[in-house]
Amino acid sequence: MALFDILKLLLVDWPDRKHGREALAEMTEDRLRDIGVSRKAALAESSKPFWVSQRKRGAPAKPPNQSPAATAVSQNPAARR
């Protein structure tokens, strides 16, 4: 990991996670419903320490807004032909 990546993690990513998880824990049921998150999922995410990212280390990042069908096609080489 490059020095820049470490500094970004320490100075940007960790504080963002901390504040985001604190805000998530304090959201009302109406606000959670608006963003499509259940109380159980909000509590699970907000209970994580700030140094833990959302995805497991080594897991590929899912492209944003990719439909389940597109994901299935991208993971199946025969479907791309």
PDB file of N, CA and C in Angstrom:
ATOM      1  N   MET A   1       0.846  -1.162   0.000  1.00  0.00           N
ATOM      2  CA  MET A   1       0.000   0.000   0.000  1.00  0.00           C
ATOM      3  C   MET A   1       0.904   1.241   0.000  1.00  0.00           C
ATOM      4  N   ALA A   2       0.612   2.169  -0.879  1.00  0.00           N
ATOM      5  CA  ALA A   2       1.411   3.382  -1.000  1.00  0.00           C
ATOM      6  C   ALA A   2       1.136   4.336   0.165  1.00  0.00           C
ATOM      7  N   LEU A   3       2.084   5.207   0.420  1.00  0.00           N
ATOM      8  CA  LEU A   3       1.959   6.180   1.507  1.00  0.00           C
ATOM      9  C   LEU A   3       0.704   7.025   1.342  1.00  0.00           C
ATOM     10  N   PHE A   4       0.422   7.457   0.118  1.00  0.00           N
ATOM     11  CA  PHE A   4      -0.783   8.254  -0.141  1.00  0.00           C
ATOM     12  C   PHE A   4      -2.042   7.497   0.259  1.00  0.00           C
ATOM     13  N   ASP A   5      -2.100   6.215  -0.064  1.00  0.00           N
ATOM     14  CA  ASP A   5      -3.266   5.398   0.284  1.00  0.00           C
ATOM     15  C   ASP A   5      -3.435   5.278   1.796  1.00  0.00           C
ATOM     16  N   ILE A   6      -2.335   5.145   2.501  1.00  0.00           N
ATOM     17  CA  ILE A   6      -2.390   5.044   3.965  1.00  0.00           C
ATOM     18  C   ILE A   6      -2.879   6.359   4.572  1.00  0.00           C
ATOM     19  N   LEU A   7      -2.333   7.472   4.081  1.00  0.00           N
ATOM     20  CA  LEU A   7      -2.763   8.777   4.587  1.00  0.00           C
ATOM     21  C   LEU A   7      -4.238   9.028   4.302  1.00  0.00           C
ATOM     22  N   LYS A   8      -4.693   8.664   3.112  1.00  0.00           N
ATOM     23  CA  LYS A   8      -6.105   8.832   2.766  1.00  0.00           C
ATOM     24  C   LYS A   8      -6.975   7.998   3.691  1.00  0.00           C
ATOM     25  N   LEU A   9      -6.552   6.788   3.953  1.00  0.00           N
ATOM     26  CA  LEU A   9      -7.295   5.911   4.851  1.00  0.00           C
ATOM     27  C   LEU A   9      -7.410   6.532   6.240  1.00  0.00           C
ATOM     28  N   LEU A  10      -6.299   7.038   6.770  1.00  0.00           N
ATOM     29  CA  LEU A  10      -6.274   7.596   8.118  1.00  0.00           C
ATOM     30  C   LEU A  10      -6.998   8.937   8.229  1.00  0.00           C
ATOM     31  N   LEU A  11      -6.845   9.775   7.215  1.00  0.00           N
ATOM     32  CA  LEU A  11      -7.363  11.140   7.306  1.00  0.00           C
ATOM     33  C   LEU A  11      -8.732  11.349   6.681  1.00  0.00           C
ATOM     34  N   VAL A  12      -9.134  10.469   5.770  1.00  0.00           N
ATOM     35  CA  VAL A  12     -10.413  10.659   5.078  1.00  0.00           C
ATOM     36  C   VAL A  12     -11.367   9.491   5.322  1.00  0.00           C
ATOM     37  N   ASP A  13     -10.941   8.310   5.000  1.00  0.00           N
ATOM     38  CA  ASP A  13     -11.848   7.158   5.038  1.00  0.00           C
ATOM     39  C   ASP A  13     -12.321   6.824   6.448  1.00  0.00           C
ATOM     40  N   TRP A  14     -11.410   6.746   7.394  1.00  0.00           N
ATOM     41  CA  TRP A  14     -11.808   6.366   8.752  1.00  0.00           C
ATOM     42  C   TRP A  14     -12.757   7.377   9.381  1.00  0.00           C
ATOM     43  N   PRO A  15     -12.473   8.690   9.319  1.00  0.00           N
ATOM     44  CA  PRO A  15     -13.438   9.637   9.880  1.00  0.00           C
ATOM     45  C   PRO A  15     -14.796   9.600   9.163  1.00  0.00           C
ATOM     46  N   ASP A  16     -14.787   9.412   7.841  1.00  0.00           N
ATOM     47  CA  ASP A  16     -16.054   9.302   7.098  1.00  0.00           C
ATOM     48  C   ASP A  16     -16.869   8.110   7.581  1.00  0.00           C
ATOM     49  N   ARG A  17     -16.207   6.977   7.765  1.00  0.00           N
ATOM     50  CA  ARG A  17     -16.912   5.788   8.255  1.00  0.00           C
ATOM     51  C   ARG A  17     -17.486   6.028   9.648  1.00  0.00           C
ATOM     52  N   LYS A  18     -16.674   6.618  10.515  1.00  0.00           N
ATOM     53  CA  LYS A  18     -17.105   6.865  11.893  1.00  0.00           C
ATOM     54  C   LYS A  18     -18.351   7.755  11.918  1.00  0.00           C
ATOM     55  N   HIS A  19     -18.300   8.860  11.213  1.00  0.00           N
ATOM     56  CA  HIS A  19     -19.426   9.793  11.208  1.00  0.00           C
ATOM     57  C   HIS A  19     -20.644   9.201  10.510  1.00  0.00           C
ATOM     58  N   GLY A  20     -20.420   8.482   9.434  1.00  0.00           N
ATOM     59  CA  GLY A  20     -21.527   7.853   8.716  1.00  0.00           C
ATOM     60  C   GLY A  20     -22.228   6.799   9.560  1.00  0.00           C
ATOM     61  N   ARG A  21     -21.453   6.016  10.278  1.00  0.00           N
ATOM     62  CA  ARG A  21     -22.052   4.973  11.117  1.00  0.00           C
ATOM     63  C   ARG A  21     -22.760   5.567  12.323  1.00  0.00           C
ATOM     64  N   GLU A  22     -22.234   6.661  12.864  1.00  0.00           N
ATOM     65  CA  GLU A  22     -22.923   7.343  13.962  1.00  0.00           C
ATOM     66  C   GLU A  22     -24.266   7.904  13.481  1.00  0.00           C
ATOM     67  N   ALA A  23     -24.264   8.508  12.297  1.00  0.00           N
ATOM     68  CA  ALA A  23     -25.501   9.065  11.740  1.00  0.00           C
ATOM     69  C   ALA A  23     -26.511   7.960  11.454  1.00  0.00           C
ATOM     70  N   LEU A  24     -26.050   6.851  10.946  1.00  0.00           N
ATOM     71  CA  LEU A  24     -26.925   5.724  10.645  1.00  0.00           C
ATOM     72  C   LEU A  24     -27.588   5.192  11.915  1.00  0.00           C
ATOM     73  N   ALA A  25     -26.835   5.117  12.989  1.00  0.00           N
ATOM     74  CA  ALA A  25     -27.368   4.622  14.263  1.00  0.00           C
ATOM     75  C   ALA A  25     -28.443   5.546  14.821  1.00  0.00           C
ATOM     76  N   GLU A  26     -28.368   6.841  14.515  1.00  0.00           N
ATOM     77  CA  GLU A  26     -29.305   7.812  15.054  1.00  0.00           C
ATOM     78  C   GLU A  26     -30.521   8.066  14.169  1.00  0.00           C
ATOM     79  N   MET A  27     -30.574   7.459  12.994  1.00  0.00           N
ATOM     80  CA  MET A  27     -31.678   7.710  12.062  1.00  0.00           C
ATOM     81  C   MET A  27     -32.992   7.154  12.576  1.00  0.00           C
ATOM     82  N   THR A  28     -34.058   7.867  12.250  1.00  0.00           N
ATOM     83  CA  THR A  28     -35.411   7.425  12.605  1.00  0.00           C
ATOM     84  C   THR A  28     -35.852   6.336  11.637  1.00  0.00           C
ATOM     85  N   GLU A  29     -36.914   5.647  12.016  1.00  0.00           N
ATOM     86  CA  GLU A  29     -37.468   4.602  11.142  1.00  0.00           C
ATOM     87  C   GLU A  29     -37.882   5.187   9.789  1.00  0.00           C
ATOM     88  N   ASP A  30     -38.462   6.379   9.790  1.00  0.00           N
ATOM     89  CA  ASP A  30     -38.884   7.014   8.530  1.00  0.00           C
ATOM     90  C   ASP A  30     -37.691   7.275   7.617  1.00  0.00           C
ATOM     91  N   ARG A  31     -36.619   7.787   8.192  1.00  0.00           N
ATOM     92  CA  ARG A  31     -35.424   8.082   7.396  1.00  0.00           C
ATOM     93  C   ARG A  31     -34.812   6.799   6.851  1.00  0.00           C
ATOM     94  N   LEU A  32     -34.749   5.758   7.678  1.00  0.00           N
ATOM     95  CA  LEU A  32     -34.207   4.473   7.213  1.00  0.00           C
ATOM     96  C   LEU A  32     -35.061   3.912   6.080  1.00  0.00           C
ATOM     97  N   ARG A  33     -36.373   4.013   6.210  1.00  0.00           N
ATOM     98  CA  ARG A  33     -37.272   3.528   5.159  1.00  0.00           C
ATOM     99  C   ARG A  33     -37.031   4.310   3.865  1.00  0.00           C
ATOM    100  N   ASP A  34     -36.808   5.621   3.995  1.00  0.00           N
ATOM    101  CA  ASP A  34     -36.546   6.458   2.816  1.00  0.00           C
ATOM    102  C   ASP A  34     -35.304   6.010   2.054  1.00  0.00           C
ATOM    103  N   ILE A  35     -34.294   5.564   2.763  1.00  0.00           N
ATOM    104  CA  ILE A  35     -33.057   5.149   2.086  1.00  0.00           C
ATOM    105  C   ILE A  35     -33.016   3.644   1.831  1.00  0.00           C
ATOM    106  N   GLY A  36     -34.075   2.938   2.223  1.00  0.00           N
ATOM    107  CA  GLY A  36     -34.165   1.511   1.931  1.00  0.00           C
ATOM    108  C   GLY A  36     -33.300   0.624   2.804  1.00  0.00           C
ATOM    109  N   VAL A  37     -33.134   1.009   4.071  1.00  0.00           N
ATOM    110  CA  VAL A  37     -32.310   0.232   4.992  1.00  0.00           C
ATOM    111  C   VAL A  37     -33.167  -0.183   6.186  1.00  0.00           C
ATOM    112  N   SER A  38     -33.080  -1.437   6.557  1.00  0.00           N
ATOM    113  CA  SER A  38     -33.833  -1.905   7.719  1.00  0.00           C
ATOM    114  C   SER A  38     -33.115  -1.494   9.001  1.00  0.00           C
ATOM    115  N   ARG A  39     -33.839  -1.455  10.113  1.00  0.00           N
ATOM    116  CA  ARG A  39     -33.235  -1.125  11.403  1.00  0.00           C
ATOM    117  C   ARG A  39     -32.146  -2.147  11.745  1.00  0.00           C
ATOM    118  N   LYS A  40     -32.413  -3.422  11.437  1.00  0.00           N
ATOM    119  CA  LYS A  40     -31.441  -4.476  11.729  1.00  0.00           C
ATOM    120  C   LYS A  40     -30.138  -4.249  10.956  1.00  0.00           C
ATOM    121  N   ALA A  41     -30.256  -3.925   9.666  1.00  0.00           N
ATOM    122  CA  ALA A  41     -29.064  -3.669   8.848  1.00  0.00           C
ATOM    123  C   ALA A  41     -28.335  -2.415   9.321  1.00  0.00           C
ATOM    124  N   ALA A  42     -29.106  -1.388   9.716  1.00  0.00           N
ATOM    125  CA  ALA A  42     -28.495  -0.149  10.212  1.00  0.00           C
ATOM    126  C   ALA A  42     -27.714  -0.411  11.498  1.00  0.00           C
ATOM    127  N   LEU A  43     -28.286  -1.183  12.390  1.00  0.00           N
ATOM    128  CA  LEU A  43     -27.597  -1.492  13.645  1.00  0.00           C
ATOM    129  C   LEU A  43     -26.356  -2.352  13.405  1.00  0.00           C
ATOM    130  N   ALA A  44     -26.468  -3.288  12.462  1.00  0.00           N
ATOM    131  CA  ALA A  44     -25.316  -4.139  12.145  1.00  0.00           C
ATOM    132  C   ALA A  44     -24.168  -3.294  11.582  1.00  0.00           C
ATOM    133  N   GLU A  45     -24.487  -2.381  10.680  1.00  0.00           N
ATOM    134  CA  GLU A  45     -23.455  -1.531  10.078  1.00  0.00           C
ATOM    135  C   GLU A  45     -22.895  -0.542  11.096  1.00  0.00           C
ATOM    136  N   SER A  46     -23.763   0.065  11.894  1.00  0.00           N
ATOM    137  CA  SER A  46     -23.303   1.088  12.831  1.00  0.00           C
ATOM    138  C   SER A  46     -22.515   0.502  14.002  1.00  0.00           C
ATOM    139  N   SER A  47     -22.638  -0.793  14.222  1.00  0.00           N
ATOM    140  CA  SER A  47     -21.890  -1.408  15.323  1.00  0.00           C
ATOM    141  C   SER A  47     -20.460  -1.788  14.921  1.00  0.00           C
ATOM    142  N   LYS A  48     -20.140  -1.700  13.635  1.00  0.00           N
ATOM    143  CA  LYS A  48     -18.785  -2.013  13.186  1.00  0.00           C
ATOM    144  C   LYS A  48     -17.819  -0.915  13.612  1.00  0.00           C
ATOM    145  N   PRO A  49     -16.602  -1.271  13.974  1.00  0.00           N
ATOM    146  CA  PRO A  49     -15.601  -0.241  14.271  1.00  0.00           C
ATOM    147  C   PRO A  49     -15.234   0.520  12.991  1.00  0.00           C
ATOM    148  N   PHE A  50     -14.777   1.751  13.137  1.00  0.00           N
ATOM    149  CA  PHE A  50     -14.508   2.585  11.966  1.00  0.00           C
ATOM    150  C   PHE A  50     -13.409   2.030  11.070  1.00  0.00           C
ATOM    151  N   TRP A  51     -12.539   1.197  11.592  1.00  0.00           N
ATOM    152  CA  TRP A  51     -11.442   0.686  10.764  1.00  0.00           C
ATOM    153  C   TRP A  51     -11.861  -0.518   9.915  1.00  0.00           C
ATOM    154  N   VAL A  52     -13.089  -0.995  10.091  1.00  0.00           N
ATOM    155  CA  VAL A  52     -13.592  -2.119   9.295  1.00  0.00           C
ATOM    156  C   VAL A  52     -14.370  -1.561   8.115  1.00  0.00           C
ATOM    157  N   SER A  53     -13.964  -1.939   6.899  1.00  0.00           N
ATOM    158  CA  SER A  53     -14.676  -1.461   5.716  1.00  0.00           C
ATOM    159  C   SER A  53     -15.931  -2.291   5.496  1.00  0.00           C
ATOM    160  N   GLN A  54     -16.747  -1.877   4.551  1.00  0.00           N
ATOM    161  CA  GLN A  54     -18.010  -2.565   4.300  1.00  0.00           C
ATOM    162  C   GLN A  54     -17.819  -3.915   3.630  1.00  0.00           C
ATOM    163  N   ARG A  55     -16.822  -4.034   2.810  1.00  0.00           N
ATOM    164  CA  ARG A  55     -16.620  -5.315   2.135  1.00  0.00           C
ATOM    165  C   ARG A  55     -15.407  -6.011   2.723  1.00  0.00           C
ATOM    166  N   LYS A  56     -15.385  -7.304   2.568  1.00  0.00           N
ATOM    167  CA  LYS A  56     -14.268  -8.076   3.099  1.00  0.00           C
ATOM    168  C   LYS A  56     -13.022  -7.829   2.261  1.00  0.00           C
ATOM    169  N   ARG A  57     -11.887  -7.861   2.923  1.00  0.00           N
ATOM    170  CA  ARG A  57     -10.616  -7.646   2.241  1.00  0.00           C
ATOM    171  C   ARG A  57     -10.442  -8.692   1.143  1.00  0.00           C
ATOM    172  N   GLY A  58     -10.070  -8.230  -0.022  1.00  0.00           N
ATOM    173  CA  GLY A  58      -9.842  -9.113  -1.152  1.00  0.00           C
ATOM    174  C   GLY A  58     -11.085  -9.362  -1.987  1.00  0.00           C
ATOM    175  N   ALA A  59     -12.251  -8.977  -1.478  1.00  0.00           N
ATOM    176  CA  ALA A  59     -13.479  -9.155  -2.249  1.00  0.00           C
ATOM    177  C   ALA A  59     -13.540  -8.073  -3.316  1.00  0.00           C
ATOM    178  N   PRO A  60     -13.919  -8.430  -4.527  1.00  0.00           N
ATOM    179  CA  PRO A  60     -13.979  -7.419  -5.586  1.00  0.00           C
ATOM    180  C   PRO A  60     -15.095  -6.425  -5.308  1.00  0.00           C
ATOM    181  N   ALA A  61     -14.859  -5.193  -5.664  1.00  0.00           N
ATOM    182  CA  ALA A  61     -15.893  -4.166  -5.498  1.00  0.00           C
ATOM    183  C   ALA A  61     -16.946  -4.353  -6.571  1.00  0.00           C
ATOM    184  N   LYS A  62     -18.200  -4.282  -6.195  1.00  0.00           N
ATOM    185  CA  LYS A  62     -19.296  -4.408  -7.152  1.00  0.00           C
ATOM    186  C   LYS A  62     -19.500  -3.050  -7.814  1.00  0.00           C
ATOM    187  N   PRO A  63     -19.562  -3.010  -9.129  1.00  0.00           N
ATOM    188  CA  PRO A  63     -19.803  -1.729  -9.795  1.00  0.00           C
ATOM    189  C   PRO A  63     -21.135  -1.143  -9.321  1.00  0.00           C
ATOM    190  N   PRO A  64     -21.216   0.172  -9.148  1.00  0.00           N
ATOM    191  CA  PRO A  64     -22.458   0.772  -8.658  1.00  0.00           C
ATOM    192  C   PRO A  64     -23.608   0.599  -9.630  1.00  0.00           C
ATOM    193  N   ASN A  65     -24.796   0.445  -9.082  1.00  0.00           N
ATOM    194  CA  ASN A  65     -26.036   0.356  -9.849  1.00  0.00           C
ATOM    195  C   ASN A  65     -26.046  -0.761 -10.883  1.00  0.00           C
ATOM    196  N   GLN A  66     -25.381  -1.850 -10.581  1.00  0.00           N
ATOM    197  CA  GLN A  66     -25.386  -2.969 -11.507  1.00  0.00           C
ATOM    198  C   GLN A  66     -26.526  -3.894 -11.116  1.00  0.00           C
ATOM    199  N   SER A  67     -27.378  -4.202 -12.063  1.00  0.00           N
ATOM    200  CA  SER A  67     -28.528  -5.043 -11.793  1.00  0.00           C
ATOM    201  C   SER A  67     -28.088  -6.481 -11.524  1.00  0.00           C
ATOM    202  N   PRO A  68     -28.921  -7.267 -10.834  1.00  0.00           N
ATOM    203  CA  PRO A  68     -28.581  -8.677 -10.591  1.00  0.00           C
ATOM    204  C   PRO A  68     -28.371  -9.448 -11.885  1.00  0.00           C
ATOM    205  N   ALA A  69     -29.151  -9.117 -12.913  1.00  0.00           N
ATOM    206  CA  ALA A  69     -28.998  -9.811 -14.193  1.00  0.00           C
ATOM    207  C   ALA A  69     -27.639  -9.497 -14.820  1.00  0.00           C
ATOM    208  N   ALA A  70     -27.237  -8.231 -14.750  1.00  0.00           N
ATOM    209  CA  ALA A  70     -25.935  -7.850 -15.300  1.00  0.00           C
ATOM    210  C   ALA A  70     -24.813  -8.501 -14.519  1.00  0.00           C
ATOM    211  N   THR A  71     -24.978  -8.625 -13.206  1.00  0.00           N
ATOM    212  CA  THR A  71     -23.974  -9.285 -12.382  1.00  0.00           C
ATOM    213  C   THR A  71     -23.849 -10.747 -12.781  1.00  0.00           C
ATOM    214  N   ALA A  72     -24.984 -11.419 -13.003  1.00  0.00           N
ATOM    215  CA  ALA A  72     -24.967 -12.829 -13.387  1.00  0.00           C
ATOM    216  C   ALA A  72     -24.274 -13.013 -14.730  1.00  0.00           C
ATOM    217  N   VAL A  73     -24.525 -12.111 -15.676  1.00  0.00           N
ATOM    218  CA  VAL A  73     -23.894 -12.198 -16.986  1.00  0.00           C
ATOM    219  C   VAL A  73     -22.394 -11.958 -16.864  1.00  0.00           C
ATOM    220  N   SER A  74     -21.996 -10.974 -16.057  1.00  0.00           N
ATOM    221  CA  SER A  74     -20.569 -10.674 -15.947  1.00  0.00           C
ATOM    222  C   SER A  74     -19.800 -11.789 -15.254  1.00  0.00           C
ATOM    223  N   GLN A  75     -20.486 -12.612 -14.442  1.00  0.00           N
ATOM    224  CA  GLN A  75     -19.809 -13.691 -13.740  1.00  0.00           C
ATOM    225  C   GLN A  75     -19.874 -15.002 -14.508  1.00  0.00           C
ATOM    226  N   ASN A  76     -20.612 -15.053 -15.588  1.00  0.00           N
ATOM    227  CA  ASN A  76     -20.755 -16.271 -16.367  1.00  0.00           C
ATOM    228  C   ASN A  76     -20.122 -16.055 -17.734  1.00  0.00           C
ATOM    229  N   PRO A  77     -18.918 -16.578 -17.978  1.00  0.00           N
ATOM    230  CA  PRO A  77     -18.245 -16.351 -19.257  1.00  0.00           C
ATOM    231  C   PRO A  77     -19.046 -16.843 -20.461  1.00  0.00           C
ATOM    232  N   ALA A  78     -19.816 -17.899 -20.312  1.00  0.00           N
ATOM    233  CA  ALA A  78     -20.606 -18.419 -21.432  1.00  0.00           C
ATOM    234  C   ALA A  78     -21.693 -17.435 -21.843  1.00  0.00           C
ATOM    235  N   ALA A  79     -22.189 -16.646 -20.904  1.00  0.00           N
ATOM    236  CA  ALA A  79     -23.273 -15.688 -21.206  1.00  0.00           C
ATOM    237  C   ALA A  79     -22.751 -14.487 -21.981  1.00  0.00           C
ATOM    238  N   ARG A  80     -21.456 -14.247 -21.964  1.00  0.00           N
ATOM    239  CA  ARG A  80     -20.884 -13.086 -22.675  1.00  0.00           C
ATOM    240  C   ARG A  80     -20.660 -13.361 -24.143  1.00  0.00           C
ATOM    241  N   ARG A  81     -20.767 -14.577 -24.555  1.00  0.00           N
ATOM    242  CA  ARG A  81     -20.476 -14.930 -25.963  1.00  0.00           C
ATOM    243  C   ARG A  81     -21.628 -14.652 -26.865  1.00  0.00           C
TER     244      ARG A  81
END
